[in-house]
């Protein structure tokens, strides 16, 4: 029981940090192809608050990200890449412009 509680606690702490780090580490300095700052702040806020990403889908050119606390909709052109790493319990979302 303690191991399960420990793993749950670690996943709630580490996953948001990995999510933010992945967003920030993929940064490129291209002026004409930058990510929407408001969108970046939304993802950062969700990660800072520990809200885990439950699922995402692409519907009619719009990504729908369902977090524990809320759902956000992002036009597909704002997303550069999404990498699922289920074995590491993380999803890396790269926004337009590499952020």
PDB file of N, CA and C in Angstrom:
ATOM      1  N   UNK A   1       0.817  -1.193   0.000  1.00  0.00           N
ATOM      2  CA  UNK A   1       0.000   0.000   0.000  1.00  0.00           C
ATOM      3  C   UNK A   1       0.867   1.266   0.000  1.00  0.00           C
ATOM      4  N   UNK A   2       1.949   1.242   0.795  1.00  0.00           N
ATOM      5  CA  UNK A   2       2.824   2.408   0.840  1.00  0.00           C
ATOM      6  C   UNK A   2       3.508   2.640  -0.504  1.00  0.00           C
ATOM      7  N   UNK A   3       3.857   1.558  -1.199  1.00  0.00           N
ATOM      8  CA  UNK A   3       4.501   1.684  -2.507  1.00  0.00           C
ATOM      9  C   UNK A   3       3.548   2.341  -3.496  1.00  0.00           C
ATOM     10  N   UNK A   4       2.279   1.948  -3.481  1.00  0.00           N
ATOM     11  CA  UNK A   4       1.299   2.561  -4.374  1.00  0.00           C
ATOM     12  C   UNK A   4       1.135   4.039  -4.074  1.00  0.00           C
ATOM     13  N   UNK A   5       1.071   4.380  -2.799  1.00  0.00           N
ATOM     14  CA  UNK A   5       0.944   5.797  -2.423  1.00  0.00           C
ATOM     15  C   UNK A   5       2.174   6.587  -2.839  1.00  0.00           C
ATOM     16  N   UNK A   6       3.349   5.969  -2.666  1.00  0.00           N
ATOM     17  CA  UNK A   6       4.589   6.629  -3.064  1.00  0.00           C
ATOM     18  C   UNK A   6       4.622   6.853  -4.571  1.00  0.00           C
ATOM     19  N   UNK A   7       4.282   5.831  -5.356  1.00  0.00           N
ATOM     20  CA  UNK A   7       4.271   5.955  -6.817  1.00  0.00           C
ATOM     21  C   UNK A   7       3.262   7.004  -7.264  1.00  0.00           C
ATOM     22  N   UNK A   8       2.093   7.017  -6.638  1.00  0.00           N
ATOM     23  CA  UNK A   8       1.071   8.003  -7.004  1.00  0.00           C
ATOM     24  C   UNK A   8       1.574   9.412  -6.703  1.00  0.00           C
ATOM     25  N   UNK A   9       2.199   9.585  -5.548  1.00  0.00           N
ATOM     26  CA  UNK A   9       2.727  10.894  -5.175  1.00  0.00           C
ATOM     27  C   UNK A   9       3.838  11.342  -6.104  1.00  0.00           C
ATOM     28  N   UNK A  10       4.726  10.418  -6.443  1.00  0.00           N
ATOM     29  CA  UNK A  10       5.814  10.757  -7.361  1.00  0.00           C
ATOM     30  C   UNK A  10       5.286  11.119  -8.738  1.00  0.00           C
ATOM     31  N   UNK A  11       4.306  10.365  -9.233  1.00  0.00           N
ATOM     32  CA  UNK A  11       3.782  10.655 -10.568  1.00  0.00           C
ATOM     33  C   UNK A  11       3.099  12.016 -10.599  1.00  0.00           C
ATOM     34  N   UNK A  12       2.444  12.403  -9.518  1.00  0.00           N
ATOM     35  CA  UNK A  12       1.778  13.708  -9.477  1.00  0.00           C
ATOM     36  C   UNK A  12       2.791  14.848  -9.371  1.00  0.00           C
ATOM     37  N   UNK A  13       3.985  14.563  -8.886  1.00  0.00           N
ATOM     38  CA  UNK A  13       5.013  15.588  -8.758  1.00  0.00           C
ATOM     39  C   UNK A  13       5.916  15.628  -9.982  1.00  0.00           C
ATOM     40  N   UNK A  14       6.360  14.484 -10.420  1.00  0.00           N
ATOM     41  CA  UNK A  14       7.344  14.426 -11.496  1.00  0.00           C
ATOM     42  C   UNK A  14       6.737  14.712 -12.865  1.00  0.00           C
ATOM     43  N   UNK A  15       5.554  14.189 -13.142  1.00  0.00           N
ATOM     44  CA  UNK A  15       4.963  14.358 -14.468  1.00  0.00           C
ATOM     45  C   UNK A  15       4.763  15.820 -14.860  1.00  0.00           C
ATOM     46  N   UNK A  16       4.217  16.653 -13.987  1.00  0.00           N
ATOM     47  CA  UNK A  16       4.084  18.066 -14.389  1.00  0.00           C
ATOM     48  C   UNK A  16       5.435  18.737 -14.651  1.00  0.00           C
ATOM     49  N   UNK A  17       6.442  18.378 -13.855  1.00  0.00           N
ATOM     50  CA  UNK A  17       7.768  18.959 -14.047  1.00  0.00           C
ATOM     51  C   UNK A  17       8.343  18.520 -15.398  1.00  0.00           C
ATOM     52  N   UNK A  18       8.189  17.247 -15.728  1.00  0.00           N
ATOM     53  CA  UNK A  18       8.667  16.756 -17.023  1.00  0.00           C
ATOM     54  C   UNK A  18       7.930  17.427 -18.171  1.00  0.00           C
ATOM     55  N   UNK A  19       6.638  17.664 -17.985  1.00  0.00           N
ATOM     56  CA  UNK A  19       5.834  18.311 -19.012  1.00  0.00           C
ATOM     57  C   UNK A  19       6.355  19.720 -19.288  1.00  0.00           C
ATOM     58  N   UNK A  20       6.587  20.490 -18.232  1.00  0.00           N
ATOM     59  CA  UNK A  20       7.103  21.859 -18.390  1.00  0.00           C
ATOM     60  C   UNK A  20       8.496  21.826 -19.002  1.00  0.00           C
ATOM     61  N   UNK A  21       9.336  20.941 -18.500  1.00  0.00           N
ATOM     62  CA  UNK A  21      10.705  20.865 -19.013  1.00  0.00           C
ATOM     63  C   UNK A  21      10.713  20.539 -20.499  1.00  0.00           C
ATOM     64  N   UNK A  22       9.809  19.661 -20.903  1.00  0.00           N
ATOM     65  CA  UNK A  22       9.768  19.306 -22.324  1.00  0.00           C
ATOM     66  C   UNK A  22       9.312  20.479 -23.173  1.00  0.00           C
ATOM     67  N   UNK A  23       8.368  21.246 -22.657  1.00  0.00           N
ATOM     68  CA  UNK A  23       7.918  22.420 -23.408  1.00  0.00           C
ATOM     69  C   UNK A  23       9.036  23.447 -23.547  1.00  0.00           C
ATOM     70  N   UNK A  24       9.767  23.655 -22.479  1.00  0.00           N
ATOM     71  CA  UNK A  24      10.796  24.677 -22.489  1.00  0.00           C
ATOM     72  C   UNK A  24      12.091  24.218 -23.162  1.00  0.00           C
ATOM     73  N   UNK A  25      12.408  22.939 -23.094  1.00  0.00           N
ATOM     74  CA  UNK A  25      13.674  22.472 -23.646  1.00  0.00           C
ATOM     75  C   UNK A  25      13.666  22.396 -25.165  1.00  0.00           C
ATOM     76  N   UNK A  26      12.505  22.363 -25.766  1.00  0.00           N
ATOM     77  CA  UNK A  26      12.413  22.260 -27.222  1.00  0.00           C
ATOM     78  C   UNK A  26      12.339  23.626 -27.890  1.00  0.00           C
ATOM     79  N   UNK A  27      12.692  24.645 -27.186  1.00  0.00           N
ATOM     80  CA  UNK A  27      12.555  26.016 -27.662  1.00  0.00           C
ATOM     81  C   UNK A  27      13.495  26.311 -28.827  1.00  0.00           C
ATOM     82  N   UNK A  28      12.961  26.995 -29.820  1.00  0.00           N
ATOM     83  CA  UNK A  28      13.748  27.489 -30.955  1.00  0.00           C
ATOM     84  C   UNK A  28      13.502  28.997 -31.042  1.00  0.00           C
ATOM     85  N   UNK A  29      14.477  29.741 -31.481  1.00  0.00           N
ATOM     86  CA  UNK A  29      14.343  31.189 -31.571  1.00  0.00           C
ATOM     87  C   UNK A  29      14.041  31.614 -32.998  1.00  0.00           C
ATOM     88  N   UNK A  30      12.812  31.401 -33.413  1.00  0.00           N
ATOM     89  CA  UNK A  30      12.378  31.849 -34.736  1.00  0.00           C
ATOM     90  C   UNK A  30      11.233  32.830 -34.527  1.00  0.00           C
ATOM     91  N   UNK A  31      11.422  34.073 -34.951  1.00  0.00           N
ATOM     92  CA  UNK A  31      10.462  35.131 -34.681  1.00  0.00           C
ATOM     93  C   UNK A  31       9.122  34.945 -35.367  1.00  0.00           C
ATOM     94  N   UNK A  32       9.116  34.467 -36.594  1.00  0.00           N
ATOM     95  CA  UNK A  32       7.871  34.419 -37.349  1.00  0.00           C
ATOM     96  C   UNK A  32       7.063  33.144 -37.114  1.00  0.00           C
ATOM     97  N   UNK A  33       7.532  32.261 -36.287  1.00  0.00           N
ATOM     98  CA  UNK A  33       6.829  30.997 -36.072  1.00  0.00           C
ATOM     99  C   UNK A  33       6.779  30.655 -34.583  1.00  0.00           C
ATOM    100  N   UNK A  34       6.466  31.640 -33.765  1.00  0.00           N
ATOM    101  CA  UNK A  34       6.465  31.441 -32.319  1.00  0.00           C
ATOM    102  C   UNK A  34       5.122  30.915 -31.841  1.00  0.00           C
ATOM    103  N   UNK A  35       5.185  30.181 -30.745  1.00  0.00           N
ATOM    104  CA  UNK A  35       3.967  29.676 -30.109  1.00  0.00           C
ATOM    105  C   UNK A  35       3.188  30.830 -29.492  1.00  0.00           C
ATOM    106  N   UNK A  36       1.903  30.667 -29.434  1.00  0.00           N
ATOM    107  CA  UNK A  36       1.029  31.642 -28.801  1.00  0.00           C
ATOM    108  C   UNK A  36       1.392  31.728 -27.312  1.00  0.00           C
ATOM    109  N   UNK A  37       1.824  32.907 -26.833  1.00  0.00           N
ATOM    110  CA  UNK A  37       2.237  33.036 -25.425  1.00  0.00           C
ATOM    111  C   UNK A  37       1.121  32.665 -24.443  1.00  0.00           C
ATOM    112  N   UNK A  38      -0.112  32.979 -24.768  1.00  0.00           N
ATOM    113  CA  UNK A  38      -1.223  32.645 -23.870  1.00  0.00           C
ATOM    114  C   UNK A  38      -1.396  31.132 -23.769  1.00  0.00           C
ATOM    115  N   UNK A  39      -1.221  30.452 -24.889  1.00  0.00           N
ATOM    116  CA  UNK A  39      -1.334  29.002 -24.897  1.00  0.00           C
ATOM    117  C   UNK A  39      -0.209  28.369 -24.082  1.00  0.00           C
ATOM    118  N   UNK A  40       0.994  28.870 -24.258  1.00  0.00           N
ATOM    119  CA  UNK A  40       2.134  28.375 -23.495  1.00  0.00           C
ATOM    120  C   UNK A  40       1.895  28.567 -21.998  1.00  0.00           C
ATOM    121  N   UNK A  41       1.378  29.728 -21.616  1.00  0.00           N
ATOM    122  CA  UNK A  41       1.089  29.996 -20.201  1.00  0.00           C
ATOM    123  C   UNK A  41       0.014  29.060 -19.668  1.00  0.00           C
ATOM    124  N   UNK A  42      -0.962  28.719 -20.496  1.00  0.00           N
ATOM    125  CA  UNK A  42      -2.012  27.804 -20.068  1.00  0.00           C
ATOM    126  C   UNK A  42      -1.425  26.432 -19.767  1.00  0.00           C
ATOM    127  N   UNK A  43      -0.592  25.905 -20.679  1.00  0.00           N
ATOM    128  CA  UNK A  43       0.045  24.609 -20.433  1.00  0.00           C
ATOM    129  C   UNK A  43       0.943  24.670 -19.192  1.00  0.00           C
ATOM    130  N   UNK A  44       1.695  25.750 -19.035  1.00  0.00           N
ATOM    131  CA  UNK A  44       2.571  25.890 -17.871  1.00  0.00           C
ATOM    132  C   UNK A  44       1.769  25.936 -16.577  1.00  0.00           C
ATOM    133  N   UNK A  45       0.648  26.663 -16.584  1.00  0.00           N
ATOM    134  CA  UNK A  45      -0.199  26.757 -15.392  1.00  0.00           C
ATOM    135  C   UNK A  45      -0.751  25.392 -15.008  1.00  0.00           C
ATOM    136  N   UNK A  46      -1.219  24.643 -15.998  1.00  0.00           N
ATOM    137  CA  UNK A  46      -1.754  23.311 -15.720  1.00  0.00           C
ATOM    138  C   UNK A  46      -0.675  22.404 -15.137  1.00  0.00           C
ATOM    139  N   UNK A  47       0.522  22.467 -15.703  1.00  0.00           N
ATOM    140  CA  UNK A  47       1.620  21.643 -15.188  1.00  0.00           C
ATOM    141  C   UNK A  47       2.031  22.089 -13.788  1.00  0.00           C
ATOM    142  N   UNK A  48       2.120  23.403 -13.571  1.00  0.00           N
ATOM    143  CA  UNK A  48       2.483  23.933 -12.256  1.00  0.00           C
ATOM    144  C   UNK A  48       1.485  23.513 -11.181  1.00  0.00           C
ATOM    145  N   UNK A  49       0.220  23.434 -11.565  1.00  0.00           N
ATOM    146  CA  UNK A  49      -0.831  23.056 -10.609  1.00  0.00           C
ATOM    147  C   UNK A  49      -0.949  21.545 -10.452  1.00  0.00           C
ATOM    148  N   UNK A  50      -0.145  20.789 -11.178  1.00  0.00           N
ATOM    149  CA  UNK A  50      -0.166  19.337 -11.047  1.00  0.00           C
ATOM    150  C   UNK A  50      -1.336  18.665 -11.728  1.00  0.00           C
ATOM    151  N   UNK A  51      -1.968  19.344 -12.648  1.00  0.00           N
ATOM    152  CA  UNK A  51      -3.106  18.765 -13.359  1.00  0.00           C
ATOM    153  C   UNK A  51      -2.589  17.816 -14.445  1.00  0.00           C
ATOM    154  N   UNK A  52      -2.890  16.534 -14.302  1.00  0.00           N
ATOM    155  CA  UNK A  52      -2.396  15.532 -15.248  1.00  0.00           C
ATOM    156  C   UNK A  52      -3.228  15.517 -16.517  1.00  0.00           C
ATOM    157  N   UNK A  53      -2.575  15.225 -17.615  1.00  0.00           N
ATOM    158  CA  UNK A  53      -3.253  15.071 -18.900  1.00  0.00           C
ATOM    159  C   UNK A  53      -3.869  13.678 -18.948  1.00  0.00           C
ATOM    160  N   UNK A  54      -5.193  13.622 -19.004  1.00  0.00           N
ATOM    161  CA  UNK A  54      -5.894  12.334 -19.048  1.00  0.00           C
ATOM    162  C   UNK A  54      -5.959  11.780 -20.467  1.00  0.00           C
ATOM    163  N   UNK A  55      -6.212  12.652 -21.441  1.00  0.00           N
ATOM    164  CA  UNK A  55      -6.311  12.208 -22.829  1.00  0.00           C
ATOM    165  C   UNK A  55      -6.267  13.413 -23.752  1.00  0.00           C
ATOM    166  N   UNK A  56      -6.065  13.129 -25.030  1.00  0.00           N
ATOM    167  CA  UNK A  56      -6.174  14.174 -26.048  1.00  0.00           C
ATOM    168  C   UNK A  56      -6.685  13.535 -27.320  1.00  0.00           C
ATOM    169  N   UNK A  57      -7.297  14.369 -28.160  1.00  0.00           N
ATOM    170  CA  UNK A  57      -7.807  13.878 -29.445  1.00  0.00           C
ATOM    171  C   UNK A  57      -7.768  15.023 -30.447  1.00  0.00           C
ATOM    172  N   UNK A  58      -7.821  14.653 -31.720  1.00  0.00           N
ATOM    173  CA  UNK A  58      -7.858  15.634 -32.806  1.00  0.00           C
ATOM    174  C   UNK A  58      -9.216  15.508 -33.473  1.00  0.00           C
ATOM    175  N   UNK A  59     -10.001  16.595 -33.409  1.00  0.00           N
ATOM    176  CA  UNK A  59     -11.343  16.603 -33.976  1.00  0.00           C
ATOM    177  C   UNK A  59     -11.504  17.845 -34.848  1.00  0.00           C
ATOM    178  N   UNK A  60     -11.725  17.637 -36.132  1.00  0.00           N
ATOM    179  CA  UNK A  60     -11.949  18.746 -37.065  1.00  0.00           C
ATOM    180  C   UNK A  60     -10.872  19.827 -36.991  1.00  0.00           C
ATOM    181  N   UNK A  61      -9.606  19.402 -36.952  1.00  0.00           N
ATOM    182  CA  UNK A  61      -8.504  20.356 -36.957  1.00  0.00           C
ATOM    183  C   UNK A  61      -8.244  21.035 -35.626  1.00  0.00           C
ATOM    184  N   UNK A  62      -8.830  20.522 -34.547  1.00  0.00           N
ATOM    185  CA  UNK A  62      -8.640  21.096 -33.216  1.00  0.00           C
ATOM    186  C   UNK A  62      -8.243  19.974 -32.255  1.00  0.00           C
ATOM    187  N   UNK A  63      -7.118  20.169 -31.555  1.00  0.00           N
ATOM    188  CA  UNK A  63      -6.731  19.219 -30.514  1.00  0.00           C
ATOM    189  C   UNK A  63      -7.523  19.536 -29.251  1.00  0.00           C
ATOM    190  N   UNK A  64      -8.044  18.509 -28.636  1.00  0.00           N
ATOM    191  CA  UNK A  64      -8.761  18.644 -27.369  1.00  0.00           C
ATOM    192  C   UNK A  64      -7.925  17.923 -26.317  1.00  0.00           C
ATOM    193  N   UNK A  65      -7.386  18.692 -25.380  1.00  0.00           N
ATOM    194  CA  UNK A  65      -6.592  18.154 -24.289  1.00  0.00           C
ATOM    195  C   UNK A  65      -7.460  18.113 -23.044  1.00  0.00           C
ATOM    196  N   UNK A  66      -7.663  16.918 -22.502  1.00  0.00           N
ATOM    197  CA  UNK A  66      -8.487  16.762 -21.300  1.00  0.00           C
ATOM    198  C   UNK A  66      -7.563  16.515 -20.110  1.00  0.00           C
ATOM    199  N   UNK A  67      -7.450  17.550 -19.284  1.00  0.00           N
ATOM    200  CA  UNK A  67      -6.676  17.459 -18.058  1.00  0.00           C
ATOM    201  C   UNK A  67      -7.601  17.107 -16.904  1.00  0.00           C
ATOM    202  N   UNK A  68      -7.040  16.814 -15.748  1.00  0.00           N
ATOM    203  CA  UNK A  68      -7.847  16.493 -14.571  1.00  0.00           C
ATOM    204  C   UNK A  68      -8.767  17.652 -14.192  1.00  0.00           C
ATOM    205  N   UNK A  69      -8.276  18.865 -14.364  1.00  0.00           N
ATOM    206  CA  UNK A  69      -9.011  20.031 -13.874  1.00  0.00           C
ATOM    207  C   UNK A  69      -9.792  20.782 -14.941  1.00  0.00           C
ATOM    208  N   UNK A  70      -9.436  20.610 -16.187  1.00  0.00           N
ATOM    209  CA  UNK A  70     -10.122  21.333 -17.248  1.00  0.00           C
ATOM    210  C   UNK A  70      -9.807  20.744 -18.616  1.00  0.00           C
ATOM    211  N   UNK A  71     -10.483  21.249 -19.604  1.00  0.00           N
ATOM    212  CA  UNK A  71     -10.280  20.835 -20.987  1.00  0.00           C
ATOM    213  C   UNK A  71      -9.880  22.067 -21.787  1.00  0.00           C
ATOM    214  N   UNK A  72      -8.856  21.926 -22.616  1.00  0.00           N
ATOM    215  CA  UNK A  72      -8.489  23.047 -23.482  1.00  0.00           C
ATOM    216  C   UNK A  72      -8.506  22.586 -24.931  1.00  0.00           C
ATOM    217  N   UNK A  73      -8.859  23.511 -25.808  1.00  0.00           N
ATOM    218  CA  UNK A  73      -8.928  23.251 -27.246  1.00  0.00           C
ATOM    219  C   UNK A  73      -7.874  24.108 -27.933  1.00  0.00           C
ATOM    220  N   UNK A  74      -7.098  23.454 -28.796  1.00  0.00           N
ATOM    221  CA  UNK A  74      -5.985  24.121 -29.447  1.00  0.00           C
ATOM    222  C   UNK A  74      -6.045  23.831 -30.945  1.00  0.00           C
ATOM    223  N   UNK A  75      -6.065  24.878 -31.783  1.00  0.00           N
ATOM    224  CA  UNK A  75      -6.029  24.640 -33.224  1.00  0.00           C
ATOM    225  C   UNK A  75      -4.799  23.807 -33.588  1.00  0.00           C
ATOM    226  N   UNK A  76      -4.972  22.860 -34.503  1.00  0.00           N
ATOM    227  CA  UNK A  76      -3.893  21.945 -34.881  1.00  0.00           C
ATOM    228  C   UNK A  76      -2.646  22.689 -35.356  1.00  0.00           C
ATOM    229  N   UNK A  77      -2.805  23.848 -35.987  1.00  0.00           N
ATOM    230  CA  UNK A  77      -1.639  24.585 -36.477  1.00  0.00           C
ATOM    231  C   UNK A  77      -0.779  25.150 -35.345  1.00  0.00           C
ATOM    232  N   UNK A  78      -1.298  25.185 -34.121  1.00  0.00           N
ATOM    233  CA  UNK A  78      -0.523  25.651 -32.967  1.00  0.00           C
ATOM    234  C   UNK A  78       0.364  24.542 -32.393  1.00  0.00           C
ATOM    235  N   UNK A  79       0.102  23.298 -32.783  1.00  0.00           N
ATOM    236  CA  UNK A  79       0.837  22.158 -32.254  1.00  0.00           C
ATOM    237  C   UNK A  79       1.899  21.730 -33.247  1.00  0.00           C
ATOM    238  N   UNK A  80       3.135  21.663 -32.788  1.00  0.00           N
ATOM    239  CA  UNK A  80       4.219  21.198 -33.639  1.00  0.00           C
ATOM    240  C   UNK A  80       4.303  19.683 -33.657  1.00  0.00           C
ATOM    241  N   UNK A  81       4.225  19.084 -32.471  1.00  0.00           N
ATOM    242  CA  UNK A  81       4.388  17.642 -32.366  1.00  0.00           C
ATOM    243  C   UNK A  81       3.849  17.159 -31.017  1.00  0.00           C
ATOM    244  N   UNK A  82       3.333  15.937 -31.007  1.00  0.00           N
ATOM    245  CA  UNK A  82       2.909  15.285 -29.766  1.00  0.00           C
ATOM    246  C   UNK A  82       3.573  13.914 -29.745  1.00  0.00           C
ATOM    247  N   UNK A  83       4.287  13.642 -28.659  1.00  0.00           N
ATOM    248  CA  UNK A  83       4.967  12.359 -28.510  1.00  0.00           C
ATOM    249  C   UNK A  83       4.455  11.667 -27.257  1.00  0.00           C
ATOM    250  N   UNK A  84       3.830  10.511 -27.437  1.00  0.00           N
ATOM    251  CA  UNK A  84       3.401   9.708 -26.291  1.00  0.00           C
ATOM    252  C   UNK A  84       4.555   8.821 -25.860  1.00  0.00           C
ATOM    253  N   UNK A  85       4.852   8.857 -24.589  1.00  0.00           N
ATOM    254  CA  UNK A  85       5.878   7.988 -24.008  1.00  0.00           C
ATOM    255  C   UNK A  85       5.238   7.250 -22.838  1.00  0.00           C
ATOM    256  N   UNK A  86       4.367   6.311 -23.163  1.00  0.00           N
ATOM    257  CA  UNK A  86       3.578   5.605 -22.155  1.00  0.00           C
ATOM    258  C   UNK A  86       4.461   4.878 -21.150  1.00  0.00           C
ATOM    259  N   UNK A  87       5.592   4.346 -21.596  1.00  0.00           N
ATOM    260  CA  UNK A  87       6.473   3.635 -20.679  1.00  0.00           C
ATOM    261  C   UNK A  87       7.073   4.556 -19.623  1.00  0.00           C
ATOM    262  N   UNK A  88       7.112   5.856 -19.903  1.00  0.00           N
ATOM    263  CA  UNK A  88       7.634   6.838 -18.951  1.00  0.00           C
ATOM    264  C   UNK A  88       6.516   7.670 -18.325  1.00  0.00           C
ATOM    265  N   UNK A  89       5.289   7.329 -18.641  1.00  0.00           N
ATOM    266  CA  UNK A  89       4.113   8.030 -18.116  1.00  0.00           C
ATOM    267  C   UNK A  89       4.157   9.517 -18.454  1.00  0.00           C
ATOM    268  N   UNK A  90       4.498   9.845 -19.692  1.00  0.00           N
ATOM    269  CA  UNK A  90       4.488  11.256 -20.065  1.00  0.00           C
ATOM    270  C   UNK A  90       4.105  11.419 -21.531  1.00  0.00           C
ATOM    271  N   UNK A  91       3.607  12.595 -21.823  1.00  0.00           N
ATOM    272  CA  UNK A  91       3.284  13.008 -23.180  1.00  0.00           C
ATOM    273  C   UNK A  91       3.990  14.337 -23.409  1.00  0.00           C
ATOM    274  N   UNK A  92       4.797  14.411 -24.442  1.00  0.00           N
ATOM    275  CA  UNK A  92       5.512  15.642 -24.764  1.00  0.00           C
ATOM    276  C   UNK A  92       4.743  16.387 -25.847  1.00  0.00           C
ATOM    277  N   UNK A  93       4.341  17.592 -25.531  1.00  0.00           N
ATOM    278  CA  UNK A  93       3.628  18.442 -26.490  1.00  0.00           C
ATOM    279  C   UNK A  93       4.559  19.575 -26.878  1.00  0.00           C
ATOM    280  N   UNK A  94       4.884  19.645 -28.154  1.00  0.00           N
ATOM    281  CA  UNK A  94       5.722  20.727 -28.663  1.00  0.00           C
ATOM    282  C   UNK A  94       4.810  21.677 -29.437  1.00  0.00           C
ATOM    283  N   UNK A  95       4.820  22.929 -29.040  1.00  0.00           N
ATOM    284  CA  UNK A  95       3.982  23.913 -29.714  1.00  0.00           C
ATOM    285  C   UNK A  95       4.681  24.435 -30.965  1.00  0.00           C
ATOM    286  N   UNK A  96       3.942  25.142 -31.769  1.00  0.00           N
ATOM    287  CA  UNK A  96       4.488  25.754 -32.977  1.00  0.00           C
ATOM    288  C   UNK A  96       5.730  26.568 -32.602  1.00  0.00           C
ATOM    289  N   UNK A  97       6.746  26.492 -33.390  1.00  0.00           N
ATOM    290  CA  UNK A  97       7.975  27.222 -33.096  1.00  0.00           C
ATOM    291  C   UNK A  97       8.889  26.462 -32.158  1.00  0.00           C
ATOM    292  N   UNK A  98       8.536  25.243 -31.817  1.00  0.00           N
ATOM    293  CA  UNK A  98       9.418  24.408 -31.009  1.00  0.00           C
ATOM    294  C   UNK A  98       9.342  24.621 -29.525  1.00  0.00           C
ATOM    295  N   UNK A  99       8.335  25.299 -29.029  1.00  0.00           N
ATOM    296  CA  UNK A  99       8.228  25.544 -27.579  1.00  0.00           C
ATOM    297  C   UNK A  99       7.255  24.599 -26.955  1.00  0.00           C
TER     298      UNK A  99
END
